[in-house]
Amino acid sequence: MTASKPDALVEFRNLTFGYGERVILDDITLSLPRGKVTALMGASGGGKTTTLRLIGGQYRAQKGEALFDGQDLGRLDQEQLYAARRRMGMLFQFGALFTDLNVFDNVAFPLREHTDLPESLIHDIVLMKLDAVGLRGARQLMPSEISGGMNRRVALARAIALDPDLVMYDEPFSGLDPISLGTAARLIRQLNDTLGLTSLVVSHEIPETFHIADQVIILANGRIAAQGTPEEVRNSSDPLVVQFVNALTEGPVQFHYPGPTLADDFGVRAA
């Protein structure tokens, strides 16, 4: 077996995964450098969320390997997999806070679930995490009492509660106003650098994501269409990458899903 890259926290090696006969990722090889922000982008249905689930161990590669810190996630038993997951933080799309818990208890949840720390120490850790996202003063509010942007920041505080090595963000900018979006992007970059994290950001917001990313990977048709620095990807001549980066309506990604011809569907008869 080839040795793992020492500077990579996550690696896919010739990984293939699909649902039934539908291949989602086809012989993919990629790596997430330690301490860096990697953006994972591409058209809807391209395999971005599937990639997150493979890293989290929800799915197992059908061919090839998915490595986390040199460990093949597909070969881990349940106890080993749970140990690996405790080194990962996840910011779900739209936050996914527990609606019946206040802000403090949402952030405290992983600490109470996965550690035996005394409540006094959990109190201090939660306040430190909330302070890092600017919401220490909102600790007693309920999710229904805070804005969408604040909701996302609370979820981020929860994602870093256990001081993970890797934080994954699933569409962290969706539905945010420009101010909240800019705040969220700045926080991702600041926390990554301050806490020494490795970050994987799935996003369609090109300007903000390119601004904070060290590396950009664009998935398309089950393969990697582009991989490199934001500038390298922006200057790509690949037609699909050009269409995606410039939000063009015409290109390899078509508006109409493949199907029968209009004549077949509407029964047009020859004269």
C-alpha atoms as a PDB file:
ATOM      1  CA  MET A   1       0.000   0.000   0.000  1.00  0.00           C
ATOM      2  CA  THR A   2       1.261   3.473  -0.884  1.00  0.00           C
ATOM      3  CA  ALA A   3       2.177   5.554   2.160  1.00  0.00           C
ATOM      4  CA  SER A   4      -0.233   8.307   3.124  1.00  0.00           C
ATOM      5  CA  LYS A   5       0.801  11.872   2.340  1.00  0.00           C
ATOM      6  CA  PRO A   6       2.120  13.354   5.607  1.00  0.00           C
ATOM      7  CA  ASP A   7       0.606  16.764   4.819  1.00  0.00           C
ATOM      8  CA  ALA A   8      -2.859  15.361   3.997  1.00  0.00           C
ATOM      9  CA  LEU A   9      -5.509  14.785   6.656  1.00  0.00           C
ATOM     10  CA  VAL A  10      -8.019  13.294   4.198  1.00  0.00           C
ATOM     11  CA  GLU A  11      -7.313  11.353   1.017  1.00  0.00           C
ATOM     12  CA  PHE A  12      -9.382   9.570  -1.591  1.00  0.00           C
ATOM     13  CA  ARG A  13      -7.397   7.050  -3.604  1.00  0.00           C
ATOM     14  CA  ASN A  14      -8.999   5.808  -6.823  1.00  0.00           C
ATOM     15  CA  LEU A  15     -12.341   5.879  -5.015  1.00  0.00           C
ATOM     16  CA  THR A  16     -15.543   4.798  -6.693  1.00  0.00           C
ATOM     17  CA  PHE A  17     -19.016   5.015  -5.178  1.00  0.00           C
ATOM     18  CA  GLY A  18     -22.529   4.892  -6.555  1.00  0.00           C
ATOM     19  CA  TYR A  19     -26.164   4.042  -5.891  1.00  0.00           C
ATOM     20  CA  GLY A  20     -27.085   0.856  -7.695  1.00  0.00           C
ATOM     21  CA  GLU A  21     -25.923   1.218 -11.289  1.00  0.00           C
ATOM     22  CA  ARG A  22     -25.619   5.004 -10.985  1.00  0.00           C
ATOM     23  CA  VAL A  23     -21.976   5.960 -10.390  1.00  0.00           C
ATOM     24  CA  ILE A  24     -21.611   9.173  -8.367  1.00  0.00           C
ATOM     25  CA  LEU A  25     -17.822   9.256  -7.893  1.00  0.00           C
ATOM     26  CA  ASP A  26     -15.742   7.448 -10.498  1.00  0.00           C
ATOM     27  CA  ASP A  27     -12.104   6.637  -9.666  1.00  0.00           C
ATOM     28  CA  ILE A  28     -11.589   9.869  -7.686  1.00  0.00           C
ATOM     29  CA  THR A  29      -8.201  10.778  -6.202  1.00  0.00           C
ATOM     30  CA  LEU A  30      -7.933  13.901  -4.031  1.00  0.00           C
ATOM     31  CA  SER A  31      -6.388  15.140  -0.784  1.00  0.00           C
ATOM     32  CA  LEU A  32      -7.177  17.767   1.834  1.00  0.00           C
ATOM     33  CA  PRO A  33      -3.967  19.424   3.108  1.00  0.00           C
ATOM     34  CA  ARG A  34      -3.681  19.835   6.858  1.00  0.00           C
ATOM     35  CA  GLY A  35      -4.338  23.339   8.136  1.00  0.00           C
ATOM     36  CA  LYS A  36      -5.878  24.520   4.861  1.00  0.00           C
ATOM     37  CA  VAL A  37      -9.339  25.441   3.617  1.00  0.00           C
ATOM     38  CA  THR A  38     -10.471  23.308   0.677  1.00  0.00           C
ATOM     39  CA  ALA A  39     -13.582  24.257  -1.280  1.00  0.00           C
ATOM     40  CA  LEU A  40     -15.577  21.450  -2.888  1.00  0.00           C
ATOM     41  CA  MET A  41     -17.766  22.774  -5.683  1.00  0.00           C
ATOM     42  CA  GLY A  42     -19.690  21.665  -8.751  1.00  0.00           C
ATOM     43  CA  ALA A  43     -23.180  21.410 -10.190  1.00  0.00           C
ATOM     44  CA  SER A  44     -25.982  19.869  -8.147  1.00  0.00           C
ATOM     45  CA  GLY A  45     -25.854  16.087  -8.083  1.00  0.00           C
ATOM     46  CA  GLY A  46     -22.116  16.025  -8.696  1.00  0.00           C
ATOM     47  CA  GLY A  47     -21.192  14.110  -5.555  1.00  0.00           C
ATOM     48  CA  LYS A  48     -20.319  16.826  -3.038  1.00  0.00           C
ATOM     49  CA  THR A  49     -22.609  15.659  -0.225  1.00  0.00           C
ATOM     50  CA  THR A  50     -21.679  12.057  -1.006  1.00  0.00           C
ATOM     51  CA  THR A  51     -18.037  13.035  -0.453  1.00  0.00           C
ATOM     52  CA  LEU A  52     -18.894  14.408   3.002  1.00  0.00           C
ATOM     53  CA  ARG A  53     -20.716  11.184   3.883  1.00  0.00           C
ATOM     54  CA  LEU A  54     -17.777   9.062   2.759  1.00  0.00           C
ATOM     55  CA  ILE A  55     -15.421  11.087   4.954  1.00  0.00           C
ATOM     56  CA  GLY A  56     -17.824  10.761   7.888  1.00  0.00           C
ATOM     57  CA  GLY A  57     -18.076   7.024   7.392  1.00  0.00           C
ATOM     58  CA  GLN A  58     -21.802   6.994   6.608  1.00  0.00           C
ATOM     59  CA  TYR A  59     -20.918   5.416   3.264  1.00  0.00           C
ATOM     60  CA  ARG A  60     -18.036   3.104   2.432  1.00  0.00           C
ATOM     61  CA  ALA A  61     -16.112   3.208  -0.825  1.00  0.00           C
ATOM     62  CA  GLN A  62     -17.087   0.471  -3.266  1.00  0.00           C
ATOM     63  CA  LYS A  63     -13.624   0.602  -4.800  1.00  0.00           C
ATOM     64  CA  GLY A  64     -10.468   2.375  -3.683  1.00  0.00           C
ATOM     65  CA  GLU A  65      -9.870   3.999  -0.309  1.00  0.00           C
ATOM     66  CA  ALA A  66     -11.089   6.917   1.803  1.00  0.00           C
ATOM     67  CA  LEU A  67      -8.379   7.761   4.338  1.00  0.00           C
ATOM     68  CA  PHE A  68      -8.603   9.921   7.438  1.00  0.00           C
ATOM     69  CA  ASP A  69      -5.226  10.633   9.015  1.00  0.00           C
ATOM     70  CA  GLY A  70      -3.846   7.530   7.289  1.00  0.00           C
ATOM     71  CA  GLN A  71      -6.679   5.224   8.394  1.00  0.00           C
ATOM     72  CA  ASP A  72      -8.872   3.557   5.779  1.00  0.00           C
ATOM     73  CA  LEU A  73     -12.368   4.489   6.930  1.00  0.00           C
ATOM     74  CA  GLY A  74     -13.837   1.479   5.144  1.00  0.00           C
ATOM     75  CA  ARG A  75     -11.836  -0.911   7.324  1.00  0.00           C
ATOM     76  CA  LEU A  76     -12.638   0.612  10.715  1.00  0.00           C
ATOM     77  CA  ASP A  77     -14.911  -1.172  13.151  1.00  0.00           C
ATOM     78  CA  GLN A  78     -17.690   0.753  14.893  1.00  0.00           C
ATOM     79  CA  GLU A  79     -15.573   1.815  17.874  1.00  0.00           C
ATOM     80  CA  GLN A  80     -12.707   3.001  15.660  1.00  0.00           C
ATOM     81  CA  LEU A  81     -15.111   4.842  13.357  1.00  0.00           C
ATOM     82  CA  TYR A  82     -16.737   6.668  16.277  1.00  0.00           C
ATOM     83  CA  ALA A  83     -13.278   7.651  17.523  1.00  0.00           C
ATOM     84  CA  ALA A  84     -12.461   9.091  14.093  1.00  0.00           C
ATOM     85  CA  ARG A  85     -15.773  10.962  13.981  1.00  0.00           C
ATOM     86  CA  ARG A  86     -15.015  12.636  17.299  1.00  0.00           C
ATOM     87  CA  ARG A  87     -12.101  14.279  15.496  1.00  0.00           C
ATOM     88  CA  MET A  88     -14.506  15.762  12.944  1.00  0.00           C
ATOM     89  CA  GLY A  89     -16.917  18.656  13.228  1.00  0.00           C
ATOM     90  CA  MET A  90     -19.884  19.143  10.921  1.00  0.00           C
ATOM     91  CA  LEU A  91     -21.796  22.303  10.083  1.00  0.00           C
ATOM     92  CA  PHE A  92     -25.031  21.148   8.498  1.00  0.00           C
ATOM     93  CA  GLN A  93     -26.911  23.137   5.904  1.00  0.00           C
ATOM     94  CA  PHE A  94     -29.125  25.693   7.708  1.00  0.00           C
ATOM     95  CA  GLY A  95     -27.467  24.842  11.040  1.00  0.00           C
ATOM     96  CA  ALA A  96     -29.682  21.950  12.169  1.00  0.00           C
ATOM     97  CA  LEU A  97     -29.838  23.175  15.765  1.00  0.00           C
ATOM     98  CA  PHE A  98     -31.974  21.305  18.282  1.00  0.00           C
ATOM     99  CA  THR A  99     -35.074  23.463  18.404  1.00  0.00           C
ATOM    100  CA  ASP A 100     -35.989  22.535  21.992  1.00  0.00           C
ATOM    101  CA  LEU A 101     -32.542  23.456  23.378  1.00  0.00           C
ATOM    102  CA  ASN A 102     -31.264  26.974  23.895  1.00  0.00           C
ATOM    103  CA  VAL A 103     -28.040  28.254  22.339  1.00  0.00           C
ATOM    104  CA  PHE A 104     -25.891  27.217  25.309  1.00  0.00           C
ATOM    105  CA  ASP A 105     -27.252  23.682  25.448  1.00  0.00           C
ATOM    106  CA  ASN A 106     -26.912  23.215  21.687  1.00  0.00           C
ATOM    107  CA  VAL A 107     -23.189  23.938  21.907  1.00  0.00           C
ATOM    108  CA  ALA A 108     -22.834  21.899  25.096  1.00  0.00           C
ATOM    109  CA  PHE A 109     -24.521  18.853  23.558  1.00  0.00           C
ATOM    110  CA  PRO A 110     -21.422  17.178  21.992  1.00  0.00           C
ATOM    111  CA  LEU A 111     -19.399  17.835  25.146  1.00  0.00           C
ATOM    112  CA  ARG A 112     -22.028  16.178  27.326  1.00  0.00           C
ATOM    113  CA  GLU A 113     -22.483  13.346  24.855  1.00  0.00           C
ATOM    114  CA  HIS A 114     -18.842  12.460  24.218  1.00  0.00           C
ATOM    115  CA  THR A 115     -16.896  13.528  27.317  1.00  0.00           C
ATOM    116  CA  ASP A 116     -16.986  13.114  31.096  1.00  0.00           C
ATOM    117  CA  LEU A 117     -16.036  16.729  31.737  1.00  0.00           C
ATOM    118  CA  PRO A 118     -17.593  18.387  34.807  1.00  0.00           C
ATOM    119  CA  GLU A 119     -20.415  20.808  34.124  1.00  0.00           C
ATOM    120  CA  SER A 120     -18.319  23.731  35.370  1.00  0.00           C
ATOM    121  CA  LEU A 121     -15.688  23.068  32.676  1.00  0.00           C
ATOM    122  CA  ILE A 122     -18.341  22.514  30.006  1.00  0.00           C
ATOM    123  CA  HIS A 123     -19.774  25.910  30.970  1.00  0.00           C
ATOM    124  CA  ASP A 124     -16.431  27.626  30.354  1.00  0.00           C
ATOM    125  CA  ILE A 125     -15.760  25.774  27.079  1.00  0.00           C
ATOM    126  CA  VAL A 126     -19.207  26.618  25.695  1.00  0.00           C
ATOM    127  CA  LEU A 127     -18.790  30.300  26.518  1.00  0.00           C
ATOM    128  CA  MET A 128     -15.358  30.324  24.863  1.00  0.00           C
ATOM    129  CA  LYS A 129     -16.765  28.733  21.695  1.00  0.00           C
ATOM    130  CA  LEU A 130     -19.697  31.148  21.631  1.00  0.00           C
ATOM    131  CA  ASP A 131     -17.336  34.057  22.168  1.00  0.00           C
ATOM    132  CA  ALA A 132     -15.287  32.887  19.173  1.00  0.00           C
ATOM    133  CA  VAL A 133     -18.364  33.295  16.962  1.00  0.00           C
ATOM    134  CA  GLY A 134     -19.506  36.504  18.652  1.00  0.00           C
ATOM    135  CA  LEU A 135     -22.554  35.081  20.421  1.00  0.00           C
ATOM    136  CA  ARG A 136     -21.582  34.674  24.070  1.00  0.00           C
ATOM    137  CA  GLY A 137     -24.359  37.099  24.974  1.00  0.00           C
ATOM    138  CA  ALA A 138     -26.983  34.996  23.181  1.00  0.00           C
ATOM    139  CA  ARG A 139     -26.443  31.876  25.300  1.00  0.00           C
ATOM    140  CA  GLN A 140     -29.989  31.755  26.757  1.00  0.00           C
ATOM    141  CA  LEU A 141     -31.859  32.419  23.518  1.00  0.00           C
ATOM    142  CA  MET A 142     -33.778  29.685  21.702  1.00  0.00           C
ATOM    143  CA  PRO A 143     -33.119  28.879  18.024  1.00  0.00           C
ATOM    144  CA  SER A 144     -36.491  30.434  17.152  1.00  0.00           C
ATOM    145  CA  GLU A 145     -35.324  33.726  18.688  1.00  0.00           C
ATOM    146  CA  ILE A 146     -32.204  34.181  16.561  1.00  0.00           C
ATOM    147  CA  SER A 147     -31.647  35.049  12.901  1.00  0.00           C
ATOM    148  CA  GLY A 148     -30.539  32.638  10.205  1.00  0.00           C
ATOM    149  CA  GLY A 149     -27.012  34.046  10.298  1.00  0.00           C
ATOM    150  CA  MET A 150     -26.821  33.707  14.078  1.00  0.00           C
ATOM    151  CA  ASN A 151     -28.216  30.177  13.799  1.00  0.00           C
ATOM    152  CA  ARG A 152     -25.332  29.250  11.494  1.00  0.00           C
ATOM    153  CA  ARG A 153     -22.788  30.771  13.894  1.00  0.00           C
ATOM    154  CA  VAL A 154     -24.203  28.805  16.842  1.00  0.00           C
ATOM    155  CA  ALA A 155     -23.950  25.662  14.716  1.00  0.00           C
ATOM    156  CA  LEU A 156     -20.328  26.545  14.000  1.00  0.00           C
ATOM    157  CA  ALA A 157     -19.617  26.919  17.712  1.00  0.00           C
ATOM    158  CA  ARG A 158     -21.154  23.467  18.217  1.00  0.00           C
ATOM    159  CA  ALA A 159     -19.055  22.032  15.373  1.00  0.00           C
ATOM    160  CA  ILE A 160     -15.817  23.138  17.060  1.00  0.00           C
ATOM    161  CA  ALA A 161     -16.876  22.269  20.626  1.00  0.00           C
ATOM    162  CA  LEU A 162     -14.711  19.122  20.729  1.00  0.00           C
ATOM    163  CA  ASP A 163     -11.691  20.851  19.126  1.00  0.00           C
ATOM    164  CA  PRO A 164     -11.826  18.694  15.977  1.00  0.00           C
ATOM    165  CA  ASP A 165      -9.019  18.251  13.465  1.00  0.00           C
ATOM    166  CA  LEU A 166     -11.417  18.499  10.519  1.00  0.00           C
ATOM    167  CA  VAL A 167     -14.514  20.675  10.102  1.00  0.00           C
ATOM    168  CA  MET A 168     -16.859  20.034   7.180  1.00  0.00           C
ATOM    169  CA  TYR A 169     -19.305  22.708   6.042  1.00  0.00           C
ATOM    170  CA  ASP A 170     -22.337  21.745   3.941  1.00  0.00           C
ATOM    171  CA  GLU A 171     -23.519  24.888   2.135  1.00  0.00           C
ATOM    172  CA  PRO A 172     -22.702  27.254   5.023  1.00  0.00           C
ATOM    173  CA  PHE A 173     -23.744  30.359   3.069  1.00  0.00           C
ATOM    174  CA  SER A 174     -27.189  29.236   1.817  1.00  0.00           C
ATOM    175  CA  GLY A 175     -29.972  31.691   2.530  1.00  0.00           C
ATOM    176  CA  LEU A 176     -27.778  34.298   4.230  1.00  0.00           C
ATOM    177  CA  ASP A 177     -27.945  38.024   3.588  1.00  0.00           C
ATOM    178  CA  PRO A 178     -24.709  39.663   2.323  1.00  0.00           C
ATOM    179  CA  ILE A 179     -23.627  40.808   5.800  1.00  0.00           C
ATOM    180  CA  SER A 180     -24.222  37.418   7.421  1.00  0.00           C
ATOM    181  CA  LEU A 181     -22.594  35.676   4.471  1.00  0.00           C
ATOM    182  CA  GLY A 182     -19.465  37.784   4.777  1.00  0.00           C
ATOM    183  CA  THR A 183     -19.377  37.195   8.531  1.00  0.00           C
ATOM    184  CA  ALA A 184     -19.688  33.415   8.072  1.00  0.00           C
ATOM    185  CA  ALA A 185     -16.937  33.329   5.458  1.00  0.00           C
ATOM    186  CA  ARG A 186     -14.583  35.379   7.629  1.00  0.00           C
ATOM    187  CA  LEU A 187     -15.280  33.124  10.627  1.00  0.00           C
ATOM    188  CA  ILE A 188     -14.463  29.972   8.665  1.00  0.00           C
ATOM    189  CA  ARG A 189     -11.107  31.402   7.643  1.00  0.00           C
ATOM    190  CA  GLN A 190     -10.292  32.864  11.070  1.00  0.00           C
ATOM    191  CA  LEU A 191     -11.202  29.730  13.018  1.00  0.00           C
ATOM    192  CA  ASN A 192      -9.306  27.529  10.583  1.00  0.00           C
ATOM    193  CA  ASP A 193      -6.126  29.543  11.066  1.00  0.00           C
ATOM    194  CA  THR A 194      -6.503  30.293  14.783  1.00  0.00           C
ATOM    195  CA  LEU A 195      -7.402  26.754  15.840  1.00  0.00           C
ATOM    196  CA  GLY A 196      -5.171  24.968  13.349  1.00  0.00           C
ATOM    197  CA  LEU A 197      -8.113  23.219  11.685  1.00  0.00           C
ATOM    198  CA  THR A 198      -8.448  21.564   8.313  1.00  0.00           C
ATOM    199  CA  SER A 199     -11.648  22.737   6.624  1.00  0.00           C
ATOM    200  CA  LEU A 200     -13.751  21.356   3.777  1.00  0.00           C
ATOM    201  CA  VAL A 201     -16.366  23.796   2.480  1.00  0.00           C
ATOM    202  CA  VAL A 202     -19.121  22.640   0.118  1.00  0.00           C
ATOM    203  CA  SER A 203     -20.565  25.763  -1.460  1.00  0.00           C
ATOM    204  CA  HIS A 204     -22.005  27.327  -4.601  1.00  0.00           C
ATOM    205  CA  GLU A 205     -21.102  30.892  -3.563  1.00  0.00           C
ATOM    206  CA  ILE A 206     -18.096  31.398  -5.820  1.00  0.00           C
ATOM    207  CA  PRO A 207     -16.782  34.887  -4.818  1.00  0.00           C
ATOM    208  CA  GLU A 208     -16.849  34.291  -1.055  1.00  0.00           C
ATOM    209  CA  THR A 209     -15.648  30.693  -1.268  1.00  0.00           C
ATOM    210  CA  PHE A 210     -12.783  31.489  -3.628  1.00  0.00           C
ATOM    211  CA  HIS A 211     -11.780  34.331  -1.309  1.00  0.00           C
ATOM    212  CA  ILE A 212     -11.258  32.085   1.737  1.00  0.00           C
ATOM    213  CA  ALA A 213     -10.085  28.845   0.069  1.00  0.00           C
ATOM    214  CA  ASP A 214      -6.512  27.643  -0.319  1.00  0.00           C
ATOM    215  CA  GLN A 215      -7.575  24.872  -2.691  1.00  0.00           C
ATOM    216  CA  VAL A 216     -10.633  24.426  -4.919  1.00  0.00           C
ATOM    217  CA  ILE A 217     -11.908  21.087  -6.233  1.00  0.00           C
ATOM    218  CA  ILE A 218     -14.692  21.046  -8.826  1.00  0.00           C
ATOM    219  CA  LEU A 219     -16.592  17.787  -9.292  1.00  0.00           C
ATOM    220  CA  ALA A 220     -18.479  17.036 -12.487  1.00  0.00           C
ATOM    221  CA  ASN A 221     -19.884  13.885 -14.010  1.00  0.00           C
ATOM    222  CA  GLY A 222     -18.333  11.731 -11.312  1.00  0.00           C
ATOM    223  CA  ARG A 223     -14.816  13.034 -11.815  1.00  0.00           C
ATOM    224  CA  ILE A 224     -12.600  15.967 -10.858  1.00  0.00           C
ATOM    225  CA  ALA A 225     -12.964  18.662 -13.509  1.00  0.00           C
ATOM    226  CA  ALA A 226     -10.480  21.029 -11.847  1.00  0.00           C
ATOM    227  CA  GLN A 227      -8.269  21.101  -8.775  1.00  0.00           C
ATOM    228  CA  GLY A 228      -5.857  23.805  -7.673  1.00  0.00           C
ATOM    229  CA  THR A 229      -5.670  27.274  -6.177  1.00  0.00           C
ATOM    230  CA  PRO A 230      -8.683  29.561  -6.727  1.00  0.00           C
ATOM    231  CA  GLU A 231      -6.714  31.470  -9.352  1.00  0.00           C
ATOM    232  CA  GLU A 232      -5.744  28.287 -11.212  1.00  0.00           C
ATOM    233  CA  VAL A 233      -9.334  27.069 -11.258  1.00  0.00           C
ATOM    234  CA  ARG A 234     -10.653  30.462 -12.336  1.00  0.00           C
ATOM    235  CA  ASN A 235      -8.228  30.403 -15.294  1.00  0.00           C
ATOM    236  CA  SER A 236      -9.146  26.862 -16.340  1.00  0.00           C
ATOM    237  CA  SER A 237     -10.020  26.342 -20.006  1.00  0.00           C
ATOM    238  CA  ASP A 238     -12.200  23.292 -19.312  1.00  0.00           C
ATOM    239  CA  PRO A 239     -15.654  24.140 -20.767  1.00  0.00           C
ATOM    240  CA  LEU A 240     -17.522  22.810 -17.738  1.00  0.00           C
ATOM    241  CA  VAL A 241     -15.345  24.760 -15.291  1.00  0.00           C
ATOM    242  CA  VAL A 242     -15.729  27.907 -17.393  1.00  0.00           C
ATOM    243  CA  GLN A 243     -19.517  27.464 -17.371  1.00  0.00           C
ATOM    244  CA  PHE A 244     -19.640  26.890 -13.612  1.00  0.00           C
ATOM    245  CA  VAL A 245     -17.255  29.645 -12.535  1.00  0.00           C
ATOM    246  CA  ASN A 246     -18.899  32.222 -14.795  1.00  0.00           C
ATOM    247  CA  ALA A 247     -22.502  31.066 -14.176  1.00  0.00           C
ATOM    248  CA  LEU A 248     -23.182  30.583 -17.890  1.00  0.00           C
ATOM    249  CA  THR A 249     -26.499  29.104 -19.012  1.00  0.00           C
ATOM    250  CA  GLU A 250     -24.962  27.489 -22.088  1.00  0.00           C
ATOM    251  CA  GLY A 251     -22.351  24.774 -21.784  1.00  0.00           C
ATOM    252  CA  PRO A 252     -21.832  21.103 -20.946  1.00  0.00           C
ATOM    253  CA  VAL A 253     -24.402  21.260 -18.115  1.00  0.00           C
ATOM    254  CA  GLN A 254     -27.752  21.366 -19.899  1.00  0.00           C
ATOM    255  CA  PHE A 255     -31.037  22.801 -18.629  1.00  0.00           C
ATOM    256  CA  HIS A 256     -33.100  19.796 -19.770  1.00  0.00           C
ATOM    257  CA  TYR A 257     -32.584  16.437 -18.078  1.00  0.00           C
ATOM    258  CA  PRO A 258     -32.011  13.714 -20.723  1.00  0.00           C
ATOM    259  CA  GLY A 259     -35.280  12.070 -21.793  1.00  0.00           C
ATOM    260  CA  PRO A 260     -37.471  11.106 -24.740  1.00  0.00           C
ATOM    261  CA  THR A 261     -37.911  13.504 -27.623  1.00  0.00           C
ATOM    262  CA  LEU A 262     -40.894  15.845 -27.672  1.00  0.00           C
ATOM    263  CA  ALA A 263     -42.269  13.869 -30.599  1.00  0.00           C
ATOM    264  CA  ASP A 264     -42.159  10.656 -28.565  1.00  0.00           C
ATOM    265  CA  ASP A 265     -43.740  12.196 -25.471  1.00  0.00           C
ATOM    266  CA  PHE A 266     -46.512  14.127 -27.211  1.00  0.00           C
ATOM    267  CA  GLY A 267     -47.273  11.567 -29.897  1.00  0.00           C
ATOM    268  CA  VAL A 268     -46.460  13.757 -32.912  1.00  0.00           C
ATOM    269  CA  ARG A 269     -47.437  11.772 -36.016  1.00  0.00           C
ATOM    270  CA  ALA A 270     -45.891  11.997 -39.411  1.00  0.00           C
ATOM    271  CA  ALA A 271     -48.051  13.734 -42.010  1.00  0.00           C
END
